[in-house]
Amino acid sequence: MRRALLVSLAAVALIAGSATLAQIEGSGRGVAPVDSGGAFEVSGVAVDVAGKTADAARYGGWRLAQRKAWVQLSRRLGGGGTLVSDGTLDQLVSGIVVENEQIGTTRYVARLGVLFDRNRAGALLGVATNTDRSPPMLVMPVQWSAGVGQVVERRSDWQLAWARFRTGNSSIDYIRPTGAGIDPLLLTIGQINRPGRGWWRTIIDQYGAADILIPSVRLYRQWPDGPVIGQFEARHGPDNRLLGRFSLRVGSAQGLAQLLDAGVMRLDGLYQQALRQGLLSPDIALSPPPDPTATPTPVAVEGIDGIIAELSDPVASTATVTLQYDTPGASSVANTEALIRTLPGVRSAATTSLALGGVSLMRVELSGDPAGFVADLQSRGYQVAGSGTTLRISRPTTVPVAGPDG
């Protein structure tokens, strides 16, 4: 009897383990963001060009799109809309996005998007390219369809829309999960209704975020392949607080991608407006609890000897800094830790929260002013964001410059 019970328990454990593996494995998940760079984007540029061949017409259409997009970008940034040479445009354009195109034997009709290198275009127009951004925000895109809600458990049209969205021109610092790894176990439809700060703090710590954004959409299909109505809501924080809502409609199911792309842009506008109004301030309960050992208990001293002893005590000038840094692989963890330990004033540096493929956290003990530590990081080529005892470091990225055929 006891042996039969053990066999039954083993079978139950095997089934439970198989179910867990089935939930976190498979090819139906995982959508990496298309672009998280800071390029200037001009979309919806219409061209209609004829040529001797199909390739010549297409090449001419891309050339024309670059010129028209530059005029729009120049006017948008206050540059007056002055046109520059095609050779200069080739150095400024970092990519062409084909939104829709029709290619004939001698004619090219398309709607294109043009990406301009932010630093080069800004320098030519004489405008500042650095923008103030929000604290890092973890995005949980919720889609409701046929009464079923999901986040990243399965690949959805809503998740694809957020992956296509280019965040370079937004003042919101989005952290978009790909749906791979343990994402479907942490970011579930049930989690958005759990107000408990402890588990939320654990989740955002895994992604190096400071707060949560919950953009949701409810899709209503009138009939198969018929009109689709999307009701969009911009929600924020562990309390799932509503910031705004709107509805969009498309005439057929073939236009669902355009409907969701438009919804993402409208939601981004709502989040940026909320940021300007001060409505996206992170909940203080989501911050890590203070370390009781970080601040030494003050000791009463008397006389000049006691004051000198206190000033010479190295403990009195120590500081603890939490460092957020990118860890695309295991080697980047050891390399970053080794570099940090070589900086002046660093007593110890150890990773306390590891997220391979994302943003990890490092605890750094300093014997000196954190401002000097920031200066040392910048001298090593790091970009440093944040203030106080929480810093975010990253290496500057360069976007490859491509011509019209790239």
Protein backbone atom coordinates (compact mmCIF):
# COMPACT_ATOMS: atom_id res chain seq x y z
CA MET A 1 0.00 0.00 0.00
CA ARG A 2 2.80 2.40 0.87
CA ARG A 3 4.66 1.59 -2.33
CA ALA A 4 1.54 2.32 -4.38
CA LEU A 5 1.16 5.67 -2.62
CA LEU A 6 4.76 6.60 -3.43
CA VAL A 7 4.25 5.69 -7.07
CA SER A 8 1.11 7.88 -7.20
CA LEU A 9 2.93 10.85 -5.64
CA ALA A 10 5.75 10.49 -8.14
CA ALA A 11 3.27 10.47 -11.01
CA VAL A 12 1.59 13.62 -9.67
CA ALA A 13 4.97 15.35 -9.34
CA LEU A 14 5.88 14.33 -12.90
CA ILE A 15 2.62 15.73 -14.27
CA ALA A 16 3.02 18.99 -12.31
CA GLY A 17 6.58 19.40 -13.54
CA SER A 18 5.50 18.77 -17.12
CA ALA A 19 2.75 21.38 -16.79
CA THR A 20 5.22 23.95 -15.45
CA LEU A 21 7.67 23.27 -18.28
CA ALA A 22 4.85 23.54 -20.80
CA GLN A 23 3.96 26.95 -19.37
CA ILE A 24 7.44 28.42 -19.70
CA GLU A 25 8.61 26.66 -22.87
CA GLY A 26 7.47 26.65 -26.47
CA SER A 27 7.80 28.80 -29.56
CA GLY A 28 4.52 30.68 -29.13
CA ARG A 29 6.06 33.35 -26.89
CA GLY A 30 8.91 35.79 -26.95
CA VAL A 31 8.70 39.07 -28.86
CA ALA A 32 11.82 41.24 -28.65
CA PRO A 33 11.29 45.00 -29.15
CA VAL A 34 12.08 46.13 -32.68
CA ASP A 35 13.87 49.31 -31.64
CA SER A 36 14.66 50.92 -28.31
CA GLY A 37 17.07 53.52 -29.70
CA GLY A 38 16.70 57.26 -29.76
CA ALA A 39 16.35 57.95 -33.49
CA PHE A 40 14.07 60.72 -34.72
CA GLU A 41 11.20 59.13 -36.65
CA VAL A 42 8.98 60.63 -39.34
CA SER A 43 6.20 58.24 -40.36
CA GLY A 44 3.50 58.21 -42.99
CA VAL A 45 5.56 59.72 -45.83
CA ALA A 46 3.69 59.06 -49.11
CA VAL A 47 5.64 58.65 -52.36
CA ASP A 48 4.61 57.87 -55.95
CA VAL A 49 7.62 57.62 -58.28
CA ALA A 50 8.12 56.26 -61.80
CA GLY A 51 11.39 54.86 -63.16
CA LYS A 52 12.91 52.86 -65.95
CA THR A 53 12.89 49.69 -63.84
CA ALA A 54 11.24 48.55 -60.63
CA ASP A 55 14.49 48.95 -58.68
CA ALA A 56 15.08 52.43 -60.05
CA ALA A 57 11.54 53.50 -59.12
CA ARG A 58 11.95 52.06 -55.63
CA TYR A 59 15.31 53.76 -55.15
CA GLY A 60 13.85 57.06 -56.33
CA GLY A 61 10.90 56.65 -53.94
CA TRP A 62 13.24 56.18 -50.98
CA ARG A 63 15.26 59.23 -52.03
CA LEU A 64 12.10 61.31 -52.22
CA ALA A 65 10.92 59.99 -48.84
CA GLN A 66 14.20 61.10 -47.23
CA ARG A 67 13.79 64.63 -48.56
CA LYS A 68 10.15 64.98 -47.56
CA ALA A 69 10.80 63.48 -44.11
CA TRP A 70 13.73 65.84 -43.48
CA VAL A 71 11.57 68.87 -44.27
CA GLN A 72 8.90 67.63 -41.82
CA LEU A 73 11.47 66.90 -39.09
CA SER A 74 13.16 70.28 -39.58
CA ARG A 75 9.87 72.13 -39.23
CA ARG A 76 8.88 70.04 -36.22
CA LEU A 77 12.12 70.88 -34.41
CA GLY A 78 12.10 74.55 -35.37
CA GLY A 79 14.68 74.37 -38.14
CA GLY A 80 12.59 76.14 -40.80
CA GLY A 81 12.26 73.20 -43.22
CA THR A 82 15.45 73.88 -45.20
CA LEU A 83 16.37 71.02 -47.57
CA VAL A 84 19.91 69.56 -47.57
CA SER A 85 21.77 67.54 -50.17
CA ASP A 86 21.17 63.84 -50.78
CA GLY A 87 24.72 63.06 -49.68
CA THR A 88 24.09 64.71 -46.31
CA LEU A 89 20.77 62.89 -45.96
CA ASP A 90 22.53 59.56 -46.54
CA GLN A 91 24.68 60.33 -43.49
CA LEU A 92 21.69 61.37 -41.38
CA VAL A 93 19.25 58.57 -42.23
CA SER A 94 19.68 55.45 -40.12
CA GLY A 95 16.85 53.39 -41.61
CA ILE A 96 13.75 53.23 -43.80
CA VAL A 97 10.55 51.65 -42.44
CA VAL A 98 8.19 50.25 -45.11
CA GLU A 99 4.66 50.78 -43.83
CA ASN A 100 2.95 49.90 -47.11
CA GLU A 101 4.27 49.58 -50.65
CA GLN A 102 3.15 48.61 -54.14
CA ILE A 103 5.89 47.78 -56.63
CA GLY A 104 5.23 47.80 -60.38
CA THR A 105 7.51 47.28 -63.35
CA THR A 106 8.16 51.02 -63.68
CA ARG A 107 6.31 52.57 -60.74
CA TYR A 108 6.64 52.61 -56.96
CA VAL A 109 3.81 53.71 -54.65
CA ALA A 110 4.42 53.47 -50.90
CA ARG A 111 3.93 54.91 -47.45
CA LEU A 112 7.27 54.97 -45.64
CA GLY A 113 8.81 55.93 -42.32
CA VAL A 114 12.27 57.49 -42.09
CA LEU A 115 14.61 57.22 -39.08
CA PHE A 116 17.22 59.94 -38.54
CA ASP A 117 20.26 59.64 -36.29
CA ARG A 118 19.40 61.77 -33.26
CA ASN A 119 22.86 63.17 -32.56
CA ARG A 120 23.74 64.05 -36.16
CA ALA A 121 20.33 65.49 -37.01
CA GLY A 122 20.22 67.47 -33.78
CA ALA A 123 23.69 68.90 -34.37
CA LEU A 124 22.76 69.98 -37.90
CA LEU A 125 19.50 71.61 -36.74
CA GLY A 126 21.08 73.13 -33.64
CA VAL A 127 18.66 71.53 -31.17
CA ALA A 128 19.32 69.67 -27.92
CA THR A 129 19.08 65.89 -28.25
CA ASN A 130 19.05 65.01 -24.55
CA THR A 131 15.59 64.72 -23.03
CA ASP A 132 14.47 64.17 -19.47
CA ARG A 133 12.80 60.79 -19.10
CA SER A 134 10.71 59.10 -16.47
CA PRO A 135 12.03 56.49 -14.04
CA PRO A 136 12.20 53.00 -15.62
CA MET A 137 8.63 51.69 -16.06
CA LEU A 138 7.85 47.98 -16.47
CA VAL A 139 5.16 47.51 -19.15
CA MET A 140 2.54 44.76 -18.72
CA PRO A 141 0.42 44.82 -21.93
CA VAL A 142 -2.95 43.21 -21.09
CA GLN A 143 -5.19 42.00 -23.93
CA TRP A 144 -8.79 40.89 -23.40
CA SER A 145 -10.33 38.95 -26.27
CA ALA A 146 -13.41 36.66 -26.16
CA GLY A 147 -13.51 37.15 -22.38
CA VAL A 148 -9.97 35.81 -21.87
CA GLY A 149 -7.19 38.04 -20.55
CA GLN A 150 -3.47 37.50 -21.02
CA VAL A 151 -0.19 39.37 -20.69
CA VAL A 152 2.77 37.40 -22.08
CA GLU A 153 1.54 33.85 -21.48
CA ARG A 154 1.10 33.53 -25.25
CA ARG A 155 2.21 35.74 -28.10
CA SER A 156 -0.58 38.23 -28.74
CA ASP A 157 -1.28 41.01 -31.24
CA TRP A 158 -1.12 43.53 -28.38
CA GLN A 159 2.33 42.37 -27.30
CA LEU A 160 3.49 42.56 -30.93
CA ALA A 161 2.19 46.13 -31.17
CA TRP A 162 4.21 47.18 -28.11
CA ALA A 163 7.28 45.44 -29.55
CA ARG A 164 6.89 47.45 -32.78
CA PHE A 165 6.55 50.76 -30.95
CA ARG A 166 9.66 52.95 -31.19
CA THR A 167 10.28 54.55 -27.81
CA GLY A 168 13.05 56.97 -28.81
CA ASN A 169 10.80 60.03 -29.00
CA SER A 170 8.87 59.26 -25.81
CA SER A 171 9.62 60.75 -22.40
CA ILE A 172 8.65 57.43 -20.79
CA ASP A 173 11.49 54.99 -20.12
CA TYR A 174 9.70 51.74 -21.05
CA ILE A 175 11.00 48.32 -20.01
CA ARG A 176 9.23 45.90 -22.35
CA PRO A 177 9.36 42.18 -21.39
CA THR A 178 9.94 39.80 -24.27
CA GLY A 179 7.78 36.98 -22.88
CA ALA A 180 10.76 34.60 -22.71
CA GLY A 181 12.26 32.88 -19.69
CA ILE A 182 10.25 33.31 -16.49
CA ASP A 183 8.20 36.26 -17.81
CA PRO A 184 4.93 34.26 -18.13
CA LEU A 185 5.29 33.04 -14.53
CA LEU A 186 5.81 36.52 -13.06
CA LEU A 187 3.73 38.75 -15.35
CA THR A 188 0.29 37.14 -15.30
CA ILE A 189 -3.24 38.44 -15.66
CA GLY A 190 -3.84 37.66 -11.98
CA GLN A 191 -0.86 39.73 -10.84
CA ILE A 192 -2.38 43.03 -11.99
CA ASN A 193 -5.13 42.69 -9.35
CA ARG A 194 -2.77 41.93 -6.44
CA PRO A 195 -2.09 45.15 -4.52
CA GLY A 196 0.50 43.55 -2.20
CA ARG A 197 3.68 45.62 -2.44
CA GLY A 198 6.05 42.86 -1.36
CA TRP A 199 5.61 40.66 -4.43
CA TRP A 200 5.41 43.68 -6.74
CA ARG A 201 8.73 44.86 -5.32
CA THR A 202 10.25 41.45 -6.10
CA ILE A 203 8.99 41.57 -9.69
CA ILE A 204 10.15 45.08 -10.58
CA ASP A 205 13.50 44.33 -8.93
CA GLN A 206 13.99 41.52 -11.47
CA TYR A 207 13.60 43.97 -14.36
CA GLY A 208 15.38 46.98 -12.86
CA ALA A 209 12.20 49.07 -12.90
CA ALA A 210 10.84 51.65 -10.49
CA ASP A 211 7.12 51.34 -11.24
CA ILE A 212 4.52 49.53 -13.37
CA LEU A 213 2.47 50.57 -16.39
CA ILE A 214 -0.52 48.42 -17.41
CA PRO A 215 -1.80 49.35 -20.89
CA SER A 216 -4.84 47.20 -21.68
CA VAL A 217 -7.12 46.64 -24.66
CA ARG A 218 -10.47 44.83 -24.99
CA LEU A 219 -11.14 43.61 -28.51
CA TYR A 220 -14.72 43.19 -29.77
CA ARG A 221 -15.21 41.52 -33.17
CA GLN A 222 -18.57 42.22 -34.83
CA TRP A 223 -18.40 39.07 -36.98
CA PRO A 224 -15.63 36.92 -38.49
CA ASP A 225 -13.30 39.10 -40.60
CA GLY A 226 -15.61 42.03 -39.88
CA PRO A 227 -15.11 45.29 -37.96
CA VAL A 228 -13.03 45.24 -34.79
CA ILE A 229 -13.51 47.66 -31.89
CA GLY A 230 -10.73 48.19 -29.38
CA GLN A 231 -11.33 49.78 -25.98
CA PHE A 232 -7.99 51.01 -24.62
CA GLU A 233 -7.12 51.92 -21.03
CA ALA A 234 -3.97 53.47 -19.58
CA ARG A 235 -3.41 52.10 -16.06
CA HIS A 236 -0.57 52.62 -13.63
CA GLY A 237 0.90 51.19 -10.45
CA PRO A 238 0.23 48.17 -8.24
CA ASP A 239 -3.28 49.51 -7.52
CA ASN A 240 -4.12 49.35 -11.26
CA ARG A 241 -5.16 53.01 -11.22
CA LEU A 242 -6.95 54.28 -14.35
CA LEU A 243 -5.37 57.32 -16.05
CA GLY A 244 -7.50 57.48 -19.19
CA ARG A 245 -9.44 55.47 -21.79
CA PHE A 246 -10.59 55.71 -25.41
CA SER A 247 -12.00 53.52 -28.21
CA LEU A 248 -10.88 52.92 -31.80
CA ARG A 249 -12.54 51.02 -34.63
CA VAL A 250 -11.26 49.39 -37.82
CA GLY A 251 -13.39 48.17 -40.71
CA SER A 252 -12.02 44.62 -40.99
CA ALA A 253 -9.82 42.13 -39.16
CA GLN A 254 -7.01 42.80 -41.66
CA GLY A 255 -6.57 46.24 -40.10
CA LEU A 256 -6.09 44.95 -36.54
CA ALA A 257 -2.35 45.68 -36.53
CA GLN A 258 -2.94 49.31 -37.57
CA LEU A 259 -5.65 49.62 -34.90
CA LEU A 260 -3.31 48.40 -32.15
CA ASP A 261 -0.38 50.52 -33.38
CA ALA A 262 -2.59 53.61 -33.21
CA GLY A 263 -3.73 52.56 -29.75
CA VAL A 264 -0.13 52.25 -28.51
CA MET A 265 0.68 55.77 -29.73
CA ARG A 266 -2.42 57.21 -28.06
CA LEU A 267 -1.61 55.42 -24.78
CA ASP A 268 1.96 56.71 -24.91
CA GLY A 269 0.52 60.21 -25.22
CA LEU A 270 -1.64 59.62 -22.14
CA TYR A 271 1.34 58.36 -20.14
CA GLN A 272 3.47 61.33 -21.20
CA GLN A 273 0.68 63.70 -20.20
CA ALA A 274 0.39 61.96 -16.81
CA LEU A 275 4.16 62.31 -16.36
CA ARG A 276 3.99 66.06 -17.00
CA GLN A 277 1.14 66.34 -14.49
CA GLY A 278 3.10 64.46 -11.83
CA LEU A 279 0.78 61.44 -11.83
CA LEU A 280 3.49 58.83 -12.50
CA SER A 281 5.43 59.26 -9.27
CA PRO A 282 6.58 55.79 -8.10
CA ASP A 283 4.91 54.41 -5.02
CA ILE A 284 7.31 54.77 -2.09
CA ALA A 285 6.24 51.32 -0.89
CA LEU A 286 7.85 49.84 -4.02
CA SER A 287 11.29 51.08 -2.99
CA PRO A 288 13.55 48.57 -1.20
CA PRO A 289 13.40 48.82 2.61
CA PRO A 290 16.26 50.82 4.16
CA ASP A 291 19.32 48.91 5.26
CA PRO A 292 19.58 49.23 9.04
CA THR A 293 23.38 48.80 8.84
CA ALA A 294 23.89 51.51 6.22
CA THR A 295 23.57 54.39 8.68
CA PRO A 296 25.79 54.01 11.76
CA THR A 297 24.41 55.01 15.11
CA PRO A 298 25.79 58.43 16.04
CA VAL A 299 28.09 58.43 19.02
CA ALA A 300 28.26 61.42 21.30
CA VAL A 301 31.76 62.89 21.39
CA GLU A 302 33.16 65.58 23.62
CA GLY A 303 36.16 67.79 23.25
CA ILE A 304 38.54 68.38 20.38
CA ASP A 305 40.01 64.87 20.64
CA GLY A 306 36.61 63.29 20.13
CA ILE A 307 35.85 65.52 17.12
CA ILE A 308 39.17 64.64 15.48
CA ALA A 309 38.54 60.94 16.12
CA GLU A 310 35.09 61.16 14.53
CA LEU A 311 36.38 62.99 11.44
CA SER A 312 39.16 60.44 10.96
CA ASP A 313 36.78 57.47 11.34
CA PRO A 314 36.39 55.88 7.86
CA VAL A 315 32.95 54.54 8.78
CA ALA A 316 31.59 58.08 9.05
CA SER A 317 32.28 58.73 5.36
CA THR A 318 31.00 55.47 3.86
CA ALA A 319 28.02 55.23 1.51
CA THR A 320 26.06 52.44 -0.11
CA VAL A 321 24.99 52.83 -3.74
CA THR A 322 22.58 50.60 -5.68
CA LEU A 323 23.78 50.35 -9.28
CA GLN A 324 21.51 49.24 -12.15
CA TYR A 325 23.43 47.89 -15.16
CA ASP A 326 22.75 45.88 -18.33
CA THR A 327 23.67 42.20 -18.27
CA PRO A 328 23.21 40.68 -21.75
CA GLY A 329 25.28 37.66 -20.74
CA ALA A 330 27.13 36.00 -17.86
CA SER A 331 30.47 37.51 -18.87
CA SER A 332 29.09 41.06 -18.60
CA VAL A 333 28.42 40.51 -14.88
CA ALA A 334 32.01 39.61 -14.04
CA ASN A 335 33.43 42.30 -16.33
CA THR A 336 31.29 45.08 -14.85
CA GLU A 337 31.98 44.01 -11.26
CA ALA A 338 35.73 43.90 -11.96
CA LEU A 339 35.68 47.38 -13.50
CA ILE A 340 33.67 48.87 -10.62
CA ARG A 341 36.07 47.42 -8.04
CA THR A 342 38.99 49.21 -9.71
CA LEU A 343 37.44 52.66 -9.23
CA PRO A 344 38.86 54.86 -6.46
CA GLY A 345 36.96 54.70 -3.18
CA VAL A 346 35.13 51.44 -3.92
CA ARG A 347 35.39 49.11 -0.94
CA SER A 348 33.21 46.30 -2.34
CA ALA A 349 30.93 45.59 -5.32
CA ALA A 350 28.62 42.59 -5.64
CA THR A 351 25.57 41.79 -7.74
CA THR A 352 22.52 41.34 -5.51
CA SER A 353 19.88 40.75 -8.18
CA LEU A 354 20.80 38.99 -11.43
CA ALA A 355 18.66 39.24 -14.58
CA LEU A 356 20.53 37.84 -17.58
CA GLY A 357 19.28 39.53 -20.73
CA GLY A 358 17.92 42.43 -18.70
CA VAL A 359 18.98 44.86 -15.98
CA SER A 360 20.74 43.59 -12.82
CA LEU A 361 21.39 45.33 -9.52
CA MET A 362 24.80 45.76 -7.86
CA ARG A 363 25.48 46.86 -4.27
CA VAL A 364 28.54 49.13 -4.09
CA GLU A 365 30.17 50.18 -0.81
CA LEU A 366 31.99 53.52 -1.10
CA SER A 367 34.41 55.32 1.18
CA GLY A 368 33.83 58.83 -0.04
CA ASP A 369 31.41 61.12 -1.83
CA PRO A 370 29.07 59.40 -4.36
CA ALA A 371 29.55 62.43 -6.64
CA GLY A 372 33.18 61.43 -7.13
CA PHE A 373 32.05 57.89 -7.90
CA VAL A 374 29.73 59.22 -10.62
CA ALA A 375 32.57 61.24 -12.14
CA ASP A 376 34.78 58.14 -12.19
CA LEU A 377 32.06 56.15 -13.97
CA GLN A 378 31.67 58.86 -16.60
CA SER A 379 35.41 58.96 -17.16
CA ARG A 380 35.26 55.22 -17.95
CA GLY A 381 32.75 55.91 -20.76
CA TYR A 382 29.51 55.14 -18.88
CA GLN A 383 26.33 57.18 -19.13
CA VAL A 384 24.99 57.73 -15.59
CA ALA A 385 21.36 58.48 -14.76
CA GLY A 386 19.63 58.86 -11.41
CA SER A 387 20.68 60.60 -8.23
CA GLY A 388 21.42 59.89 -4.59
CA THR A 389 22.11 56.26 -3.79
CA THR A 390 20.35 54.75 -6.85
CA LEU A 391 22.18 55.04 -10.17
CA ARG A 392 21.61 53.59 -13.64
CA ILE A 393 24.66 53.10 -15.85
CA SER A 394 24.78 52.17 -19.53
CA ARG A 395 27.18 52.22 -22.40
CA PRO A 396 26.35 54.72 -25.19
CA THR A 397 24.93 52.94 -28.21
CA THR A 398 25.50 53.94 -31.79
CA VAL A 399 22.90 53.30 -34.47
CA PRO A 400 24.45 52.08 -37.75
CA VAL A 401 23.92 54.51 -40.62
CA ALA A 402 22.37 52.97 -43.72
CA GLY A 403 21.55 54.38 -47.11
CA PRO A 404 18.21 54.12 -48.84
CA ASP A 405 18.80 50.44 -49.59
CA GLY A 406 19.55 49.67 -45.88
